[in-house]
C-alpha cells in the first residue's frame, strides 16, 4: 500500500545509519596523548606520536614526519610552453622530469616561495603567480601540505642559482604535450602530476 512506502524508507534510512546495507558506521577521531621527537634534519623532523583509539583501547604509537610547507609551480610562457627541469633525485638514484618546486623557508608565504624557487631553479621570472590549490603529500605519515601555483608570463631573467647539491637541465614543452609525458612515464613525480591536475581543473 502507498501508506507503507514512507515507513519502508524510514527503516532503510535507520539501517544505513546503523551501518547496515553495506554502509559503514561513522568513524571517530583518535585522541593524541603524547609526542616525542626522535630525529631532526634539515628537511624534516621525525616524531613518535601516541594516539588513543576512540574505543578506549590501549594507546598506540605512530611515526609522523613533520616538514615545512612545500610548493610546486607550473611556469607557463606567453606562447603556452611549460618550463620543466630535469634533475637527479637521490631517493630513486635516478633522474626525474619535473616543474620547479621546493620548501618554504621558515614563515615564508607559499606564493613567495614559488616565485623564489622558479627563479633559483630555472632563471625564469613570471608576470603573475596564481594559486591552484594544495594537497596533502602523504597524510598517513606527514603533517605538511604541497601548494601548487601557476606562473603566468614566465620569461628568462638570468642564470639559475641552484643550491650546491642541485643541478638542473631546463627545457620547455608545449602545454598540450604534458598529458602524453605523464602517460608515457616521462613525468612520474606524484606531486608534479597533482599540480597539472589542479591546473586542468582550473581550465588553463
Protein backbone atom coordinates (compact mmCIF):
# COMPACT_ATOMS: atom_id res chain seq x y z
CA UNK A 1 0.00 0.00 0.00
CA UNK A 2 1.08 3.56 -0.57
CA UNK A 3 0.91 4.29 3.14
CA UNK A 4 3.70 1.76 3.80
CA UNK A 5 6.23 3.42 1.44
CA UNK A 6 7.27 6.21 3.85
CA UNK A 7 7.71 3.66 6.64
CA UNK A 8 9.91 1.43 4.44
CA UNK A 9 12.00 4.49 3.61
CA UNK A 10 12.44 5.30 7.29
CA UNK A 11 13.50 1.73 8.04
CA UNK A 12 16.09 1.80 5.22
CA UNK A 13 17.47 5.12 6.49
CA UNK A 14 17.68 3.67 10.01
CA UNK A 15 19.58 0.59 8.78
CA UNK A 16 22.01 2.78 6.84
CA UNK A 17 22.63 4.89 9.93
CA UNK A 18 23.36 1.73 11.92
CA UNK A 19 25.93 0.53 9.40
CA UNK A 20 23.74 -1.98 7.61
CA UNK A 21 23.14 -2.34 3.86
CA UNK A 22 26.87 -2.04 3.18
CA UNK A 23 27.20 1.42 4.76
CA UNK A 24 29.93 1.60 7.40
CA UNK A 25 29.12 3.40 10.64
CA UNK A 26 30.72 6.82 11.14
CA UNK A 27 34.33 6.68 12.32
CA UNK A 28 35.53 8.79 15.22
CA UNK A 29 38.87 10.59 15.59
CA UNK A 30 41.71 9.23 17.64
CA UNK A 31 42.98 11.35 20.54
CA UNK A 32 46.61 12.46 20.61
CA UNK A 33 48.04 11.78 24.09
CA UNK A 34 51.79 12.29 23.63
CA UNK A 35 54.65 13.01 21.25
CA UNK A 36 58.43 12.54 21.22
CA UNK A 37 60.80 13.92 18.60
CA UNK A 38 63.19 11.17 17.54
CA UNK A 39 65.23 12.88 14.83
CA UNK A 40 65.80 16.38 13.49
CA UNK A 41 67.12 17.01 9.99
CA UNK A 42 67.37 20.00 7.61
CA UNK A 43 64.27 18.88 5.70
CA UNK A 44 62.02 17.18 8.29
CA UNK A 45 61.65 16.08 11.91
CA UNK A 46 60.63 12.53 12.84
CA UNK A 47 58.23 12.15 15.77
CA UNK A 48 56.81 9.17 17.64
CA UNK A 49 53.23 10.18 18.39
CA UNK A 50 50.91 8.27 20.72
CA UNK A 51 47.18 8.15 19.95
CA UNK A 52 44.31 6.69 21.95
CA UNK A 53 41.69 4.87 19.84
CA UNK A 54 38.08 6.05 20.10
CA UNK A 55 37.03 2.71 21.65
CA UNK A 56 39.25 3.46 24.70
CA UNK A 57 41.56 0.52 23.98
CA UNK A 58 45.27 0.99 24.88
CA UNK A 59 47.10 3.89 23.12
CA UNK A 60 49.34 3.07 20.17
CA UNK A 61 52.47 4.68 18.72
CA UNK A 62 52.74 6.08 15.20
CA UNK A 63 55.65 7.65 13.34
CA UNK A 64 54.96 11.09 11.91
CA UNK A 65 57.14 13.26 9.66
CA UNK A 66 56.88 16.98 10.41
CA UNK A 67 58.04 19.00 7.41
CA UNK A 68 57.78 22.59 6.14
CA UNK A 69 55.12 23.53 3.63
CA UNK A 70 56.12 22.54 0.08
CA UNK A 71 55.44 24.31 -3.20
CA UNK A 72 55.26 23.44 -6.88
CA UNK A 73 54.99 25.99 -9.67
CA UNK A 74 53.86 25.44 -13.26
CA UNK A 75 55.71 28.11 -15.30
CA UNK A 76 53.75 28.98 -18.45
CA UNK A 77 55.31 31.19 -21.08
CA UNK A 78 53.44 33.66 -23.28
CA UNK A 79 53.32 31.06 -26.07
CA UNK A 80 51.92 28.42 -23.63
CA UNK A 81 55.05 26.37 -23.12
CA UNK A 82 55.78 24.82 -19.72
CA UNK A 83 59.24 25.29 -18.22
CA UNK A 84 60.49 21.93 -16.93
CA UNK A 85 63.58 20.86 -15.00
CA UNK A 86 65.41 17.53 -15.20
CA UNK A 87 67.38 16.68 -12.09
CA UNK A 88 68.98 13.78 -10.22
CA UNK A 89 66.95 12.52 -7.27
CA UNK A 90 68.85 10.72 -4.51
CA UNK A 91 65.83 8.76 -3.25
CA UNK A 92 65.40 6.83 -6.50
CA UNK A 93 69.03 7.26 -7.60
CA UNK A 94 67.87 8.47 -10.97
CA UNK A 95 66.62 11.42 -12.98
CA UNK A 96 63.14 12.93 -12.97
CA UNK A 97 61.39 15.45 -15.19
CA UNK A 98 59.58 17.98 -13.02
CA UNK A 99 58.33 21.51 -12.59
CA UNK A 100 60.23 23.82 -10.22
CA UNK A 101 59.46 23.20 -6.55
CA UNK A 102 60.82 23.20 -3.05
CA UNK A 103 60.19 24.15 0.57
CA UNK A 104 59.01 27.33 2.21
CA UNK A 105 61.81 28.91 4.24
CA UNK A 106 60.53 29.36 7.78
CA UNK A 107 57.38 31.51 7.72
CA UNK A 108 57.82 32.36 4.02
CA UNK A 109 54.40 32.56 2.31
CA UNK A 110 53.96 29.79 -0.29
CA UNK A 111 53.45 32.25 -3.18
CA UNK A 112 56.76 33.95 -2.38
CA UNK A 113 58.48 30.57 -2.16
CA UNK A 114 57.05 29.68 -5.58
CA UNK A 115 58.49 32.82 -7.18
CA UNK A 116 61.85 32.25 -5.46
CA UNK A 117 62.13 28.59 -6.47
CA UNK A 118 61.18 29.45 -10.06
CA UNK A 119 63.98 32.00 -10.24
CA UNK A 120 66.58 29.83 -8.48
CA UNK A 121 65.93 26.61 -10.42
CA UNK A 122 65.25 27.95 -13.91
CA UNK A 123 66.36 31.59 -14.11
CA UNK A 124 62.79 32.49 -15.10
CA UNK A 125 60.51 35.11 -13.58
CA UNK A 126 56.74 35.48 -14.01
CA UNK A 127 54.28 38.28 -14.55
CA UNK A 128 51.84 36.75 -12.06
CA UNK A 129 51.79 33.88 -9.56
CA UNK A 130 48.33 32.31 -9.33
CA UNK A 131 47.38 29.75 -6.65
CA UNK A 132 45.95 26.48 -7.96
CA UNK A 133 45.30 24.73 -4.65
CA UNK A 134 47.09 22.35 -2.33
CA UNK A 135 47.27 18.64 -1.48
CA UNK A 136 48.49 16.57 1.47
CA UNK A 137 51.59 14.74 0.12
CA UNK A 138 51.04 11.74 2.41
CA UNK A 139 48.56 12.31 5.26
CA UNK A 140 49.30 8.86 6.69
CA UNK A 141 52.70 9.97 7.97
CA UNK A 142 53.22 13.66 7.08
CA UNK A 143 51.85 16.87 8.58
CA UNK A 144 52.52 19.31 5.74
CA UNK A 145 50.84 20.45 2.52
CA UNK A 146 52.13 20.98 -1.01
CA UNK A 147 50.86 24.18 -2.61
CA UNK A 148 50.69 24.44 -6.40
CA UNK A 149 50.89 27.68 -8.37
CA UNK A 150 50.64 28.77 -11.98
CA UNK A 151 53.34 31.23 -13.06
CA UNK A 152 51.87 33.27 -15.92
CA UNK A 153 54.06 35.08 -18.41
CA UNK A 154 57.18 33.14 -17.44
CA UNK A 155 60.27 34.54 -19.15
CA UNK A 156 64.07 34.19 -18.80
CA UNK A 157 65.52 36.74 -16.39
CA UNK A 158 69.06 35.49 -15.81
CA UNK A 159 71.06 32.45 -14.84
CA UNK A 160 69.65 29.85 -12.41
CA UNK A 161 71.04 29.89 -8.87
CA UNK A 162 70.62 26.34 -7.54
CA UNK A 163 71.76 25.09 -4.15
CA UNK A 164 75.23 23.46 -4.02
CA UNK A 165 73.73 19.95 -4.13
CA UNK A 166 71.38 20.72 -7.04
CA UNK A 167 71.86 20.77 -10.81
CA UNK A 168 69.13 21.30 -13.39
CA UNK A 169 68.60 20.88 -17.10
CA UNK A 170 65.97 23.45 -18.09
CA UNK A 171 63.70 22.91 -21.09
CA UNK A 172 60.27 23.96 -22.33
CA UNK A 173 57.49 21.87 -23.89
CA UNK A 174 54.05 22.85 -25.20
CA UNK A 175 51.39 22.62 -22.50
CA UNK A 176 49.40 20.26 -24.72
CA UNK A 177 52.20 17.66 -24.57
CA UNK A 178 52.09 17.30 -20.77
CA UNK A 179 49.37 14.58 -20.68
CA UNK A 180 51.43 12.47 -23.08
CA UNK A 181 54.54 12.87 -20.92
CA UNK A 182 52.55 11.65 -17.92
CA UNK A 183 51.01 8.72 -19.79
CA UNK A 184 54.40 7.62 -21.15
CA UNK A 185 56.06 7.72 -17.73
CA UNK A 186 58.39 10.59 -18.62
CA UNK A 187 56.84 12.51 -15.69
CA UNK A 188 56.44 10.28 -12.62
CA UNK A 189 56.61 12.65 -9.63
CA UNK A 190 53.20 12.36 -7.96
CA UNK A 191 53.13 15.95 -6.72
CA UNK A 192 54.02 17.25 -10.18
CA UNK A 193 51.15 15.23 -11.62
CA UNK A 194 48.86 16.63 -8.90
CA UNK A 195 49.89 20.17 -9.87
CA UNK A 196 49.00 19.54 -13.52
CA UNK A 197 45.66 18.07 -12.44
CA UNK A 198 44.90 21.20 -10.40
CA UNK A 199 45.85 23.25 -13.46
CA UNK A 200 43.50 21.20 -15.60
CA UNK A 201 40.66 21.74 -13.10
CA UNK A 202 41.28 25.47 -13.40
CA UNK A 203 40.83 25.19 -17.15
CA UNK A 204 44.08 26.92 -18.10
